[in-house]
């Protein structure tokens, strides 16, 4: 199953790639490797996320912003903050 293939990537930070020509057929993550994902938890869909996969994520519930001005200000503030950090 697709979900099960993510577990070693998230836990061990190892991605197995059968098509690689080396003996181990794997890629190790670099320092700072992170996975950011989104999910609509109200729409369970066909396959619910497994408990094993859920344990490997921190969940943050975000409510939509209904005010266009507030959304624009938030995006501008965060973009400026990130650009300042990188400078």
N, C-alpha and C. Protein backbone atom coordinates (compact mmCIF):
# COMPACT_ATOMS: atom_id res chain seq x y z
N UNK A 1 0.84 -1.18 0.00
CA UNK A 1 0.00 0.00 0.00
C UNK A 1 0.88 1.24 0.00
N UNK A 2 0.39 2.30 -0.60
CA UNK A 2 1.14 3.55 -0.72
C UNK A 2 1.51 4.12 0.64
N UNK A 3 0.57 4.11 1.57
CA UNK A 3 0.85 4.66 2.90
C UNK A 3 2.03 3.95 3.56
N UNK A 4 2.10 2.64 3.43
CA UNK A 4 3.17 1.88 4.07
C UNK A 4 4.54 2.24 3.51
N UNK A 5 4.60 2.67 2.27
CA UNK A 5 5.89 3.03 1.69
C UNK A 5 6.43 4.33 2.27
N UNK A 6 5.57 5.14 2.88
CA UNK A 6 6.02 6.39 3.50
C UNK A 6 6.65 6.18 4.88
N UNK A 7 6.33 5.10 5.56
CA UNK A 7 6.79 4.90 6.93
C UNK A 7 8.32 4.87 7.04
N UNK A 8 9.06 4.10 6.22
CA UNK A 8 10.52 4.15 6.35
C UNK A 8 11.11 5.51 5.98
N UNK A 9 10.46 6.23 5.09
CA UNK A 9 10.94 7.57 4.73
C UNK A 9 10.83 8.49 5.94
N UNK A 10 9.71 8.44 6.64
CA UNK A 10 9.49 9.32 7.78
C UNK A 10 10.22 8.86 9.03
N UNK A 11 10.32 7.57 9.27
CA UNK A 11 10.94 7.06 10.49
C UNK A 11 12.45 6.95 10.37
N UNK A 12 12.91 6.26 9.34
CA UNK A 12 14.33 5.98 9.19
C UNK A 12 15.03 6.95 8.25
N UNK A 13 14.23 7.77 7.56
CA UNK A 13 14.74 8.74 6.58
C UNK A 13 15.52 8.05 5.47
N UNK A 14 14.96 6.91 5.05
CA UNK A 14 15.54 6.11 3.97
C UNK A 14 14.48 5.90 2.90
N UNK A 15 14.86 6.13 1.65
CA UNK A 15 13.96 5.89 0.53
C UNK A 15 14.58 4.82 -0.36
N UNK A 16 13.89 3.69 -0.48
CA UNK A 16 14.36 2.61 -1.35
C UNK A 16 13.89 2.87 -2.78
N UNK A 17 14.83 2.83 -3.71
CA UNK A 17 14.52 3.06 -5.13
C UNK A 17 15.08 1.88 -5.92
N UNK A 18 14.23 0.93 -6.30
CA UNK A 18 14.70 -0.28 -6.99
C UNK A 18 15.47 0.00 -8.27
N UNK A 19 15.17 1.11 -8.94
CA UNK A 19 15.82 1.41 -10.21
C UNK A 19 17.27 1.89 -10.07
N UNK A 20 17.70 2.22 -8.87
CA UNK A 20 19.10 2.65 -8.68
C UNK A 20 20.04 1.49 -8.95
N UNK A 21 21.19 1.80 -9.51
CA UNK A 21 22.13 0.75 -9.92
C UNK A 21 23.10 0.33 -8.82
N UNK A 22 23.13 1.04 -7.68
CA UNK A 22 24.08 0.64 -6.64
C UNK A 22 23.57 -0.59 -5.88
N UNK A 23 24.39 -1.14 -5.03
CA UNK A 23 24.06 -2.41 -4.36
C UNK A 23 22.90 -2.26 -3.38
N UNK A 24 22.77 -1.10 -2.74
CA UNK A 24 21.75 -0.95 -1.71
C UNK A 24 20.41 -0.42 -2.23
N UNK A 25 20.41 0.24 -3.37
CA UNK A 25 19.19 0.79 -3.95
C UNK A 25 18.44 1.72 -2.98
N UNK A 26 19.17 2.59 -2.27
CA UNK A 26 18.50 3.49 -1.36
C UNK A 26 19.14 4.87 -1.36
N UNK A 27 18.36 5.83 -0.90
CA UNK A 27 18.81 7.21 -0.76
C UNK A 27 18.56 7.61 0.69
N UNK A 28 19.57 8.19 1.34
CA UNK A 28 19.44 8.67 2.71
C UNK A 28 19.11 10.16 2.69
N UNK A 29 18.28 10.59 3.62
CA UNK A 29 17.93 12.02 3.66
C UNK A 29 19.10 12.84 4.20
N UNK A 30 19.08 14.10 3.87
CA UNK A 30 20.10 15.04 4.33
C UNK A 30 19.60 15.74 5.60
N UNK A 31 20.50 16.31 6.40
CA UNK A 31 20.07 17.07 7.58
C UNK A 31 19.08 18.17 7.18
N UNK A 32 18.05 18.33 7.98
CA UNK A 32 17.03 19.32 7.68
C UNK A 32 15.88 18.80 6.84
N UNK A 33 15.92 17.52 6.46
CA UNK A 33 14.85 16.92 5.67
C UNK A 33 13.55 16.94 6.46
N UNK A 34 12.50 17.44 5.86
CA UNK A 34 11.18 17.48 6.47
C UNK A 34 10.13 17.16 5.43
N UNK A 35 9.00 16.68 5.88
CA UNK A 35 7.86 16.45 5.01
C UNK A 35 6.72 17.31 5.54
N UNK A 36 6.14 18.11 4.67
CA UNK A 36 4.98 18.91 5.02
C UNK A 36 3.83 18.40 4.16
N UNK A 37 2.73 18.07 4.80
CA UNK A 37 1.60 17.50 4.07
C UNK A 37 0.30 18.17 4.52
N UNK A 38 -0.70 18.08 3.68
CA UNK A 38 -2.02 18.59 4.03
C UNK A 38 -3.02 17.44 3.91
N UNK A 39 -4.08 17.56 4.68
CA UNK A 39 -5.13 16.54 4.62
C UNK A 39 -6.46 17.17 5.00
N UNK A 40 -7.50 16.69 4.42
CA UNK A 40 -8.85 17.08 4.79
C UNK A 40 -9.38 15.96 5.67
N UNK A 41 -9.31 16.15 6.98
CA UNK A 41 -9.68 15.08 7.91
C UNK A 41 -11.18 14.82 7.96
N UNK A 42 -11.98 15.75 7.47
CA UNK A 42 -13.43 15.52 7.46
C UNK A 42 -13.85 14.61 6.31
N UNK A 43 -13.08 14.61 5.25
CA UNK A 43 -13.37 13.75 4.10
C UNK A 43 -12.45 12.54 4.19
N UNK A 44 -12.93 11.45 4.71
CA UNK A 44 -12.11 10.27 4.94
C UNK A 44 -11.66 9.61 3.63
N UNK A 45 -12.44 9.78 2.58
CA UNK A 45 -12.06 9.19 1.31
C UNK A 45 -12.17 7.68 1.34
N UNK A 46 -11.50 7.04 0.41
CA UNK A 46 -11.56 5.59 0.29
C UNK A 46 -10.69 4.92 1.33
N UNK A 47 -9.48 5.45 1.54
CA UNK A 47 -8.54 4.84 2.49
C UNK A 47 -8.19 5.83 3.59
N UNK A 48 -8.60 5.51 4.81
CA UNK A 48 -8.25 6.36 5.95
C UNK A 48 -6.77 6.21 6.25
N UNK A 49 -6.14 7.28 6.74
CA UNK A 49 -4.72 7.24 7.08
C UNK A 49 -4.51 6.24 8.22
N UNK A 50 -3.51 5.38 8.06
CA UNK A 50 -3.25 4.35 9.06
C UNK A 50 -2.74 4.97 10.36
N UNK A 51 -2.95 4.27 11.47
CA UNK A 51 -2.47 4.74 12.77
C UNK A 51 -0.95 4.85 12.78
N UNK A 52 -0.27 3.91 12.12
CA UNK A 52 1.19 3.95 12.06
C UNK A 52 1.68 5.21 11.36
N UNK A 53 1.01 5.62 10.32
CA UNK A 53 1.40 6.82 9.60
C UNK A 53 1.04 8.07 10.40
N UNK A 54 -0.12 8.08 11.05
CA UNK A 54 -0.54 9.23 11.86
C UNK A 54 0.46 9.52 12.97
N UNK A 55 1.05 8.48 13.55
CA UNK A 55 2.01 8.67 14.65
C UNK A 55 3.27 9.41 14.21
N UNK A 56 3.52 9.49 12.94
CA UNK A 56 4.74 10.11 12.42
C UNK A 56 4.54 11.57 12.01
N UNK A 57 3.35 12.11 12.25
CA UNK A 57 3.06 13.50 11.90
C UNK A 57 2.61 14.28 13.13
N UNK A 58 2.88 15.56 13.14
CA UNK A 58 2.27 16.49 14.09
C UNK A 58 1.10 17.13 13.35
N UNK A 59 -0.05 17.16 13.99
CA UNK A 59 -1.24 17.70 13.34
C UNK A 59 -1.53 19.10 13.86
N UNK A 60 -1.79 20.01 12.96
CA UNK A 60 -2.21 21.38 13.26
C UNK A 60 -3.51 21.63 12.51
N UNK A 61 -4.55 21.99 13.23
CA UNK A 61 -5.83 22.30 12.60
C UNK A 61 -5.87 23.79 12.30
N UNK A 62 -6.13 24.11 11.06
CA UNK A 62 -6.18 25.50 10.63
C UNK A 62 -7.57 25.82 10.11
N UNK A 63 -8.12 26.90 10.60
CA UNK A 63 -9.42 27.36 10.13
C UNK A 63 -9.21 28.32 8.96
N UNK A 64 -10.12 28.32 8.00
CA UNK A 64 -9.97 29.23 6.86
C UNK A 64 -10.14 30.69 7.29
N UNK A 65 -9.42 31.57 6.61
CA UNK A 65 -9.59 33.01 6.84
C UNK A 65 -10.69 33.49 5.90
N UNK A 66 -11.69 34.13 6.47
CA UNK A 66 -12.82 34.58 5.66
C UNK A 66 -12.66 36.03 5.21
N UNK A 67 -11.70 36.73 5.80
CA UNK A 67 -11.46 38.13 5.47
C UNK A 67 -10.27 38.23 4.52
N UNK A 68 -10.52 38.70 3.30
CA UNK A 68 -9.47 38.79 2.28
C UNK A 68 -8.33 39.69 2.73
N UNK A 69 -8.65 40.80 3.39
CA UNK A 69 -7.61 41.72 3.86
C UNK A 69 -6.72 41.04 4.90
N UNK A 70 -7.31 40.33 5.84
CA UNK A 70 -6.53 39.64 6.86
C UNK A 70 -5.63 38.57 6.23
N UNK A 71 -6.15 37.87 5.24
CA UNK A 71 -5.36 36.85 4.55
C UNK A 71 -4.17 37.49 3.82
N UNK A 72 -4.40 38.59 3.13
CA UNK A 72 -3.32 39.29 2.41
C UNK A 72 -2.26 39.79 3.38
N UNK A 73 -2.68 40.35 4.51
CA UNK A 73 -1.73 40.83 5.51
C UNK A 73 -0.90 39.69 6.08
N UNK A 74 -1.54 38.57 6.34
CA UNK A 74 -0.83 37.40 6.87
C UNK A 74 0.22 36.91 5.89
N UNK A 75 -0.16 36.77 4.63
CA UNK A 75 0.78 36.29 3.61
C UNK A 75 1.94 37.27 3.46
N UNK A 76 1.66 38.56 3.39
CA UNK A 76 2.72 39.57 3.25
C UNK A 76 3.66 39.54 4.45
N UNK A 77 3.11 39.47 5.64
CA UNK A 77 3.94 39.44 6.86
C UNK A 77 4.85 38.23 6.88
N UNK A 78 4.32 37.06 6.55
CA UNK A 78 5.12 35.84 6.60
C UNK A 78 6.16 35.80 5.49
N UNK A 79 5.82 36.28 4.31
CA UNK A 79 6.80 36.32 3.22
C UNK A 79 7.94 37.26 3.59
N UNK A 80 7.61 38.43 4.12
CA UNK A 80 8.66 39.37 4.54
C UNK A 80 9.53 38.79 5.64
N UNK A 81 8.92 38.08 6.58
CA UNK A 81 9.69 37.45 7.66
C UNK A 81 10.65 36.41 7.10
N UNK A 82 10.18 35.59 6.20
CA UNK A 82 11.03 34.55 5.61
C UNK A 82 12.15 35.15 4.76
N UNK A 83 11.84 36.21 4.03
CA UNK A 83 12.88 36.86 3.22
C UNK A 83 13.94 37.51 4.10
N UNK A 84 13.53 38.04 5.24
CA UNK A 84 14.48 38.66 6.17
C UNK A 84 15.38 37.61 6.80
N UNK A 85 14.82 36.44 7.13
CA UNK A 85 15.61 35.36 7.73
C UNK A 85 16.68 34.86 6.76
N UNK A 86 16.36 34.79 5.49
CA UNK A 86 17.31 34.28 4.49
C UNK A 86 18.39 35.28 4.13
N UNK A 87 18.15 36.56 4.41
CA UNK A 87 19.12 37.60 4.01
C UNK A 87 20.36 37.59 4.89
